[in-house]
Amino acid sequence: MYPTEKDWNMKDRIYQLMKQQGMSQKQFANELCVGEATLSSIFTGRTRPTTNIVSNIHERFPEVSIPWLMFGEGDMYAGETVSEHVVADPQVTKEAVPATDLFADVPSQETVSPPTSVHPTMPLMRETIKYVDKPQRKITEIRVFFDDGTYETFSA
């Protein structure tokens, strides 16, 4: 079975957006105010896209649907009619979508369920948080430094 567009990783959707805009990797990096090496490491899978990348894409391309970008849900464009200057390929068209809050369709953290299938090349990773009890610490000394080079020490 071949992966569908919904099964793509976020890096694939960012790459698709770059190609949709008719930009080279260098041009796209400049548009997002990030280094070309940053995009390269995202596209090769060495690093994951950060929230700063998502934020920069949203600022530069507000017509791009955030749920599509992050989760592959819905259409690439939402909220506005895509004008001709946005679409680089004249054969690609998009119907007008009523203006809505771009984050309205993003599921809250409580409703997000773990993925049912895992992409074969991506290992499933689980984050574990370990809490360690530390003994309560007490302040024993405070030093105040003055601009004339002197200081005072206060001990408990």
N, C-alpha and C. Protein backbone atom coordinates (compact mmCIF):
# COMPACT_ATOMS: atom_id res chain seq x y z
N MET A 1 0.84 -1.17 0.00
CA MET A 1 0.00 0.00 0.00
C MET A 1 0.89 1.24 0.00
N TYR A 2 0.58 2.19 -0.86
CA TYR A 2 1.36 3.41 -0.95
C TYR A 2 0.78 4.46 -0.02
N PRO A 3 1.64 5.29 0.57
CA PRO A 3 1.12 6.30 1.49
C PRO A 3 0.31 7.35 0.75
N THR A 4 -0.76 7.79 1.36
CA THR A 4 -1.56 8.87 0.81
C THR A 4 -1.00 10.19 1.29
N GLU A 5 -1.54 11.28 0.75
CA GLU A 5 -1.06 12.60 1.15
C GLU A 5 -1.24 12.81 2.65
N LYS A 6 -2.29 12.23 3.24
CA LYS A 6 -2.52 12.37 4.68
C LYS A 6 -1.44 11.67 5.49
N ASP A 7 -0.80 10.64 4.92
CA ASP A 7 0.23 9.91 5.62
C ASP A 7 1.59 10.60 5.57
N TRP A 8 1.70 11.64 4.78
CA TRP A 8 2.97 12.34 4.65
C TRP A 8 3.38 12.94 5.98
N ASN A 9 4.65 13.15 6.12
CA ASN A 9 5.18 13.86 7.28
C ASN A 9 5.04 15.36 7.05
N MET A 10 5.17 16.10 8.12
CA MET A 10 5.10 17.55 8.02
C MET A 10 6.17 18.08 7.08
N LYS A 11 7.35 17.46 7.08
CA LYS A 11 8.43 17.91 6.20
C LYS A 11 8.01 17.79 4.73
N ASP A 12 7.24 16.75 4.41
CA ASP A 12 6.76 16.57 3.04
C ASP A 12 5.77 17.66 2.66
N ARG A 13 4.93 18.07 3.61
CA ARG A 13 3.97 19.13 3.33
C ARG A 13 4.67 20.48 3.17
N ILE A 14 5.71 20.72 3.95
CA ILE A 14 6.49 21.95 3.79
C ILE A 14 7.15 21.95 2.42
N TYR A 15 7.70 20.81 2.02
CA TYR A 15 8.33 20.69 0.71
C TYR A 15 7.29 20.92 -0.40
N GLN A 16 6.10 20.35 -0.22
CA GLN A 16 5.03 20.53 -1.21
C GLN A 16 4.66 22.00 -1.32
N LEU A 17 4.57 22.71 -0.20
CA LEU A 17 4.26 24.13 -0.22
C LEU A 17 5.34 24.90 -0.97
N MET A 18 6.61 24.57 -0.70
CA MET A 18 7.72 25.25 -1.38
C MET A 18 7.58 25.07 -2.90
N LYS A 19 7.33 23.83 -3.34
CA LYS A 19 7.18 23.56 -4.78
C LYS A 19 5.93 24.23 -5.34
N GLN A 20 4.85 24.23 -4.57
CA GLN A 20 3.60 24.88 -4.99
C GLN A 20 3.82 26.37 -5.24
N GLN A 21 4.67 26.98 -4.44
CA GLN A 21 4.97 28.40 -4.58
C GLN A 21 5.99 28.66 -5.69
N GLY A 22 6.55 27.59 -6.26
CA GLY A 22 7.52 27.73 -7.35
C GLY A 22 8.85 28.30 -6.89
N MET A 23 9.24 27.99 -5.66
CA MET A 23 10.46 28.54 -5.09
C MET A 23 11.54 27.47 -4.98
N SER A 24 12.78 27.92 -5.06
CA SER A 24 13.90 27.04 -4.77
C SER A 24 14.03 26.96 -3.25
N GLN A 25 14.85 26.04 -2.79
CA GLN A 25 15.06 25.90 -1.35
C GLN A 25 15.65 27.18 -0.78
N LYS A 26 16.55 27.81 -1.51
CA LYS A 26 17.18 29.05 -1.06
C LYS A 26 16.15 30.18 -0.97
N GLN A 27 15.29 30.31 -1.98
CA GLN A 27 14.26 31.35 -1.96
C GLN A 27 13.27 31.12 -0.82
N PHE A 28 12.87 29.87 -0.63
CA PHE A 28 11.92 29.54 0.42
C PHE A 28 12.51 29.82 1.79
N ALA A 29 13.78 29.47 1.99
CA ALA A 29 14.45 29.75 3.26
C ALA A 29 14.49 31.25 3.52
N ASN A 30 14.79 32.03 2.48
CA ASN A 30 14.80 33.50 2.63
C ASN A 30 13.42 34.03 2.99
N GLU A 31 12.38 33.48 2.36
CA GLU A 31 11.01 33.91 2.66
C GLU A 31 10.63 33.63 4.11
N LEU A 32 11.13 32.51 4.64
CA LEU A 32 10.81 32.12 6.02
C LEU A 32 11.79 32.68 7.04
N CYS A 33 12.82 33.39 6.56
CA CYS A 33 13.84 33.97 7.43
C CYS A 33 14.56 32.89 8.24
N VAL A 34 14.88 31.79 7.57
CA VAL A 34 15.66 30.72 8.19
C VAL A 34 16.82 30.38 7.26
N GLY A 35 17.80 29.70 7.78
CA GLY A 35 18.94 29.31 6.99
C GLY A 35 18.58 28.18 6.02
N GLU A 36 19.27 28.18 4.90
CA GLU A 36 19.04 27.13 3.90
C GLU A 36 19.39 25.75 4.50
N ALA A 37 20.41 25.72 5.35
CA ALA A 37 20.80 24.46 5.99
C ALA A 37 19.69 23.94 6.91
N THR A 38 18.94 24.86 7.51
CA THR A 38 17.83 24.46 8.38
C THR A 38 16.78 23.71 7.57
N LEU A 39 16.42 24.28 6.41
CA LEU A 39 15.44 23.61 5.55
C LEU A 39 15.98 22.28 5.05
N SER A 40 17.24 22.27 4.68
CA SER A 40 17.85 21.04 4.18
C SER A 40 17.78 19.93 5.22
N SER A 41 18.09 20.27 6.48
CA SER A 41 18.05 19.24 7.52
C SER A 41 16.63 18.78 7.81
N ILE A 42 15.64 19.65 7.61
CA ILE A 42 14.24 19.25 7.77
C ILE A 42 13.85 18.30 6.64
N PHE A 43 14.20 18.68 5.40
CA PHE A 43 13.81 17.87 4.24
C PHE A 43 14.49 16.50 4.23
N THR A 44 15.70 16.41 4.76
CA THR A 44 16.39 15.11 4.80
C THR A 44 15.98 14.29 6.01
N GLY A 45 15.24 14.88 6.94
CA GLY A 45 14.76 14.15 8.10
C GLY A 45 15.72 14.17 9.28
N ARG A 46 16.82 14.93 9.19
CA ARG A 46 17.75 15.00 10.32
C ARG A 46 17.13 15.74 11.50
N THR A 47 16.32 16.77 11.21
CA THR A 47 15.65 17.51 12.28
C THR A 47 14.17 17.64 11.95
N ARG A 48 13.39 17.86 12.98
CA ARG A 48 11.94 18.06 12.80
C ARG A 48 11.66 19.55 12.69
N PRO A 49 10.60 19.90 11.98
CA PRO A 49 10.23 21.32 11.91
C PRO A 49 9.85 21.83 13.29
N THR A 50 10.31 23.03 13.61
CA THR A 50 10.02 23.62 14.91
C THR A 50 8.78 24.49 14.83
N THR A 51 8.31 24.94 15.98
CA THR A 51 7.17 25.85 16.00
C THR A 51 7.53 27.17 15.34
N ASN A 52 8.81 27.55 15.38
CA ASN A 52 9.22 28.78 14.70
C ASN A 52 9.03 28.65 13.19
N ILE A 53 9.31 27.49 12.63
CA ILE A 53 9.12 27.27 11.20
C ILE A 53 7.63 27.37 10.86
N VAL A 54 6.78 26.73 11.67
CA VAL A 54 5.34 26.80 11.44
C VAL A 54 4.86 28.24 11.55
N SER A 55 5.35 28.95 12.54
CA SER A 55 4.97 30.35 12.73
C SER A 55 5.41 31.20 11.54
N ASN A 56 6.63 30.98 11.07
CA ASN A 56 7.12 31.75 9.92
C ASN A 56 6.32 31.44 8.67
N ILE A 57 5.95 30.19 8.47
CA ILE A 57 5.12 29.82 7.31
C ILE A 57 3.77 30.51 7.43
N HIS A 58 3.19 30.50 8.63
CA HIS A 58 1.88 31.13 8.84
C HIS A 58 1.94 32.64 8.58
N GLU A 59 3.01 33.28 9.02
CA GLU A 59 3.16 34.72 8.79
C GLU A 59 3.34 35.04 7.32
N ARG A 60 4.16 34.26 6.63
CA ARG A 60 4.46 34.53 5.22
C ARG A 60 3.35 34.04 4.29
N PHE A 61 2.71 32.93 4.63
CA PHE A 61 1.66 32.34 3.81
C PHE A 61 0.40 32.13 4.66
N PRO A 62 -0.30 33.21 5.02
CA PRO A 62 -1.46 33.06 5.93
C PRO A 62 -2.60 32.25 5.34
N GLU A 63 -2.60 32.07 4.03
CA GLU A 63 -3.67 31.29 3.40
C GLU A 63 -3.47 29.78 3.56
N VAL A 64 -2.30 29.35 4.03
CA VAL A 64 -2.03 27.92 4.23
C VAL A 64 -2.70 27.46 5.52
N SER A 65 -3.41 26.37 5.44
CA SER A 65 -4.13 25.82 6.57
C SER A 65 -3.15 25.21 7.58
N ILE A 66 -3.22 25.67 8.81
CA ILE A 66 -2.35 25.15 9.87
C ILE A 66 -2.65 23.67 10.15
N PRO A 67 -3.93 23.25 10.23
CA PRO A 67 -4.18 21.81 10.44
C PRO A 67 -3.60 20.96 9.30
N TRP A 68 -3.66 21.45 8.07
CA TRP A 68 -3.06 20.70 6.97
C TRP A 68 -1.55 20.63 7.14
N LEU A 69 -0.93 21.77 7.45
CA LEU A 69 0.52 21.82 7.57
C LEU A 69 1.02 20.91 8.69
N MET A 70 0.37 20.96 9.84
CA MET A 70 0.87 20.21 10.99
C MET A 70 0.43 18.75 11.01
N PHE A 71 -0.83 18.49 10.59
CA PHE A 71 -1.38 17.15 10.77
C PHE A 71 -1.82 16.48 9.47
N GLY A 72 -1.79 17.21 8.34
CA GLY A 72 -2.26 16.65 7.08
C GLY A 72 -3.77 16.58 6.99
N GLU A 73 -4.47 17.38 7.80
CA GLU A 73 -5.93 17.36 7.82
C GLU A 73 -6.48 18.48 6.95
N GLY A 74 -7.43 18.15 6.09
CA GLY A 74 -8.08 19.15 5.26
C GLY A 74 -7.25 19.50 4.04
N ASP A 75 -7.55 20.67 3.47
CA ASP A 75 -6.88 21.13 2.27
C ASP A 75 -5.70 22.02 2.61
N MET A 76 -4.79 22.18 1.62
CA MET A 76 -3.61 23.02 1.83
C MET A 76 -4.00 24.46 2.14
N TYR A 77 -4.97 24.98 1.41
CA TYR A 77 -5.37 26.38 1.59
C TYR A 77 -6.72 26.45 2.27
N ALA A 78 -6.84 27.37 3.22
CA ALA A 78 -8.10 27.56 3.93
C ALA A 78 -8.21 29.02 4.34
N GLY A 79 -9.44 29.47 4.47
CA GLY A 79 -9.65 30.80 5.01
C GLY A 79 -9.76 31.90 3.99
N GLU A 80 -9.19 31.76 2.84
CA GLU A 80 -9.22 32.80 1.83
C GLU A 80 -9.21 32.16 0.46
N THR A 81 -9.58 32.95 -0.53
CA THR A 81 -9.43 32.50 -1.91
C THR A 81 -7.97 32.63 -2.27
N VAL A 82 -7.44 31.64 -2.92
CA VAL A 82 -6.04 31.68 -3.31
C VAL A 82 -5.94 32.49 -4.59
N SER A 83 -5.20 33.58 -4.53
CA SER A 83 -5.07 34.44 -5.70
C SER A 83 -4.06 33.87 -6.67
N GLU A 84 -4.07 34.38 -7.88
CA GLU A 84 -3.20 33.87 -8.93
C GLU A 84 -1.72 34.06 -8.60
N HIS A 85 -1.37 35.13 -7.84
CA HIS A 85 0.04 35.33 -7.54
C HIS A 85 0.56 34.35 -6.49
N VAL A 86 -0.34 33.69 -5.77
CA VAL A 86 0.08 32.71 -4.78
C VAL A 86 0.38 31.37 -5.44
N VAL A 87 -0.42 30.99 -6.44
CA VAL A 87 -0.26 29.70 -7.09
C VAL A 87 0.72 29.85 -8.23
N ALA A 88 1.85 29.15 -8.13
CA ALA A 88 2.88 29.25 -9.16
C ALA A 88 2.52 28.44 -10.39
N ASP A 89 1.85 27.32 -10.22
CA ASP A 89 1.49 26.43 -11.32
C ASP A 89 0.09 26.79 -11.79
N PRO A 90 -0.09 27.27 -13.04
CA PRO A 90 -1.40 27.69 -13.50
C PRO A 90 -2.40 26.54 -13.59
N GLN A 91 -1.95 25.30 -13.62
CA GLN A 91 -2.87 24.18 -13.69
C GLN A 91 -3.45 23.85 -12.32
N VAL A 92 -2.85 24.38 -11.25
CA VAL A 92 -3.33 24.12 -9.90
C VAL A 92 -4.35 25.19 -9.55
N THR A 93 -5.56 24.77 -9.21
CA THR A 93 -6.60 25.72 -8.82
C THR A 93 -7.15 25.30 -7.47
N LYS A 94 -7.81 26.24 -6.82
CA LYS A 94 -8.35 25.97 -5.50
C LYS A 94 -9.64 26.75 -5.36
N GLU A 95 -10.69 26.09 -4.83
CA GLU A 95 -11.94 26.77 -4.60
C GLU A 95 -11.81 27.68 -3.39
N ALA A 96 -12.67 28.70 -3.35
CA ALA A 96 -12.67 29.60 -2.21
C ALA A 96 -13.19 28.87 -0.98
N VAL A 97 -12.56 29.08 0.13
CA VAL A 97 -12.96 28.49 1.39
C VAL A 97 -13.40 29.63 2.29
N PRO A 98 -14.54 29.53 2.97
CA PRO A 98 -14.97 30.63 3.83
C PRO A 98 -13.92 30.97 4.88
N ALA A 99 -13.79 32.25 5.18
CA ALA A 99 -12.80 32.70 6.16
C ALA A 99 -13.17 32.15 7.53
N THR A 100 -12.21 31.48 8.16
CA THR A 100 -12.40 30.93 9.50
C THR A 100 -11.12 31.12 10.28
N ASP A 101 -11.20 30.86 11.55
CA ASP A 101 -10.00 30.89 12.38
C ASP A 101 -9.11 29.72 11.97
N LEU A 102 -7.85 29.99 11.64
CA LEU A 102 -6.96 28.95 11.14
C LEU A 102 -6.71 27.86 12.17
N PHE A 103 -6.85 28.18 13.45
CA PHE A 103 -6.57 27.19 14.48
C PHE A 103 -7.85 26.51 14.98
N ALA A 104 -9.00 26.82 14.37
CA ALA A 104 -10.26 26.27 14.85
C ALA A 104 -10.32 24.76 14.69
N ASP A 105 -9.72 24.21 13.64
CA ASP A 105 -9.78 22.78 13.39
C ASP A 105 -8.65 22.00 14.02
N VAL A 106 -7.71 22.69 14.69
CA VAL A 106 -6.60 21.99 15.32
C VAL A 106 -7.12 21.33 16.58
N PRO A 107 -6.98 20.02 16.69
CA PRO A 107 -7.51 19.35 17.89
C PRO A 107 -6.76 19.77 19.13
N SER A 108 -7.49 19.87 20.23
CA SER A 108 -6.84 20.22 21.48
C SER A 108 -6.02 19.03 21.95
N GLN A 109 -5.13 19.27 22.88
CA GLN A 109 -4.23 18.21 23.34
C GLN A 109 -5.00 17.05 23.97
N GLU A 110 -6.19 17.36 24.58
CA GLU A 110 -6.95 16.30 25.20
C GLU A 110 -7.55 15.36 24.16
N THR A 111 -7.87 15.86 22.96
CA THR A 111 -8.55 15.04 21.96
C THR A 111 -7.59 14.34 21.01
N VAL A 112 -6.31 14.64 21.07
CA VAL A 112 -5.35 14.02 20.16
C VAL A 112 -5.09 12.59 20.63
N SER A 113 -5.31 11.65 19.72
CA SER A 113 -5.05 10.26 20.07
C SER A 113 -3.75 9.82 19.42
N PRO A 114 -3.10 8.82 19.97
CA PRO A 114 -1.84 8.36 19.38
C PRO A 114 -2.10 7.81 17.98
N PRO A 115 -1.10 7.88 17.11
CA PRO A 115 -1.30 7.40 15.75
C PRO A 115 -1.60 5.91 15.74
N THR A 116 -2.50 5.53 14.81
CA THR A 116 -2.85 4.11 14.71
C THR A 116 -1.86 3.35 13.85
N SER A 117 -1.24 4.05 12.91
CA SER A 117 -0.21 3.40 12.10
C SER A 117 1.02 4.29 12.08
N VAL A 118 2.14 3.67 11.95
CA VAL A 118 3.41 4.40 11.96
C VAL A 118 4.05 4.25 10.60
N HIS A 119 4.59 5.35 10.08
CA HIS A 119 5.29 5.30 8.81
C HIS A 119 6.44 4.31 8.94
N PRO A 120 6.63 3.44 7.95
CA PRO A 120 7.64 2.38 8.11
C PRO A 120 9.05 2.86 8.31
N THR A 121 9.39 4.07 7.84
CA THR A 121 10.76 4.55 8.00
C THR A 121 10.96 5.34 9.27
N MET A 122 9.87 5.68 9.97
CA MET A 122 9.99 6.48 11.19
C MET A 122 9.72 5.60 12.40
N PRO A 123 10.69 5.45 13.30
CA PRO A 123 10.46 4.64 14.50
C PRO A 123 9.53 5.39 15.45
N LEU A 124 8.72 4.64 16.18
CA LEU A 124 7.82 5.22 17.16
C LEU A 124 8.64 5.59 18.38
N MET A 125 8.55 6.84 18.79
CA MET A 125 9.32 7.32 19.93
C MET A 125 8.33 7.77 21.01
N ARG A 126 8.59 7.41 22.21
CA ARG A 126 7.76 7.82 23.34
C ARG A 126 8.63 8.64 24.30
N GLU A 127 8.04 9.71 24.79
CA GLU A 127 8.75 10.57 25.72
C GLU A 127 8.35 10.19 27.13
N THR A 128 9.32 9.96 27.98
CA THR A 128 9.07 9.62 29.37
C THR A 128 9.66 10.71 30.25
N ILE A 129 8.86 11.19 31.17
CA ILE A 129 9.32 12.22 32.09
C ILE A 129 9.53 11.56 33.45
N LYS A 130 10.71 11.74 34.00
CA LYS A 130 11.02 11.14 35.29
C LYS A 130 11.17 12.27 36.30
N TYR A 131 10.38 12.22 37.35
CA TYR A 131 10.45 13.21 38.40
C TYR A 131 11.31 12.66 39.53
N VAL A 132 12.27 13.45 39.96
CA VAL A 132 13.16 13.05 41.03
C VAL A 132 12.94 14.01 42.19
N ASP A 133 12.67 13.45 43.36
CA ASP A 133 12.50 14.29 44.55
C ASP A 133 13.86 14.77 45.02
N LYS A 134 13.96 16.08 45.20
CA LYS A 134 15.20 16.66 45.71
C LYS A 134 14.90 17.26 47.09
N PRO A 135 15.88 17.19 47.96
CA PRO A 135 15.65 17.82 49.27
C PRO A 135 15.54 19.33 49.11
N GLN A 136 14.71 19.94 49.92
CA GLN A 136 14.52 21.38 49.85
C GLN A 136 15.81 22.09 50.23
N ARG A 137 16.19 23.06 49.44
CA ARG A 137 17.43 23.80 49.69
C ARG A 137 17.14 25.07 50.49
N LYS A 138 18.14 25.53 51.22
CA LYS A 138 18.01 26.75 52.01
C LYS A 138 19.10 27.72 51.60
N ILE A 139 18.78 28.99 51.60
CA ILE A 139 19.75 30.03 51.26
C ILE A 139 20.69 30.20 52.45
N THR A 140 22.00 30.18 52.18
CA THR A 140 22.98 30.35 53.25
C THR A 140 23.73 31.66 53.14
N GLU A 141 23.79 32.23 51.92
CA GLU A 141 24.56 33.46 51.76
C GLU A 141 24.05 34.22 50.54
N ILE A 142 24.02 35.57 50.67
CA ILE A 142 23.66 36.45 49.56
C ILE A 142 24.75 37.49 49.44
N ARG A 143 25.23 37.71 48.22
CA ARG A 143 26.24 38.73 47.97
C ARG A 143 25.67 39.78 47.03
N VAL A 144 25.90 41.05 47.39
CA VAL A 144 25.44 42.18 46.56
C VAL A 144 26.68 42.91 46.08
N PHE A 145 26.82 43.00 44.75
CA PHE A 145 27.97 43.68 44.15
C PHE A 145 27.57 45.08 43.74
N PHE A 146 28.42 46.06 44.05
CA PHE A 146 28.16 47.45 43.72
C PHE A 146 29.03 47.87 42.54
N ASP A 147 28.61 48.98 41.88
CA ASP A 147 29.33 49.44 40.68
C ASP A 147 30.72 49.98 40.98
N ASP A 148 31.06 50.24 42.26
CA ASP A 148 32.41 50.72 42.57
C ASP A 148 33.37 49.57 42.87
N GLY A 149 32.92 48.32 42.63
CA GLY A 149 33.79 47.17 42.79
C GLY A 149 33.71 46.55 44.18
N THR A 150 32.92 47.11 45.07
CA THR A 150 32.81 46.54 46.42
C THR A 150 31.58 45.63 46.47
N TYR A 151 31.51 44.84 47.56
CA TYR A 151 30.34 43.99 47.72
C TYR A 151 30.09 43.78 49.20
N GLU A 152 28.85 43.37 49.51
CA GLU A 152 28.49 43.04 50.88
C GLU A 152 27.96 41.62 50.90
N THR A 153 28.26 40.90 51.96
CA THR A 153 27.83 39.52 52.10
C THR A 153 26.86 39.44 53.28
N PHE A 154 25.73 38.78 53.04
CA PHE A 154 24.74 38.55 54.06
C PHE A 154 24.64 37.06 54.27
N SER A 155 24.85 36.60 55.48
CA SER A 155 24.80 35.18 55.79
C SER A 155 23.57 34.88 56.65
N ALA A 156 23.03 33.71 56.47
CA ALA A 156 21.84 33.31 57.24
C ALA A 156 22.22 32.77 58.58
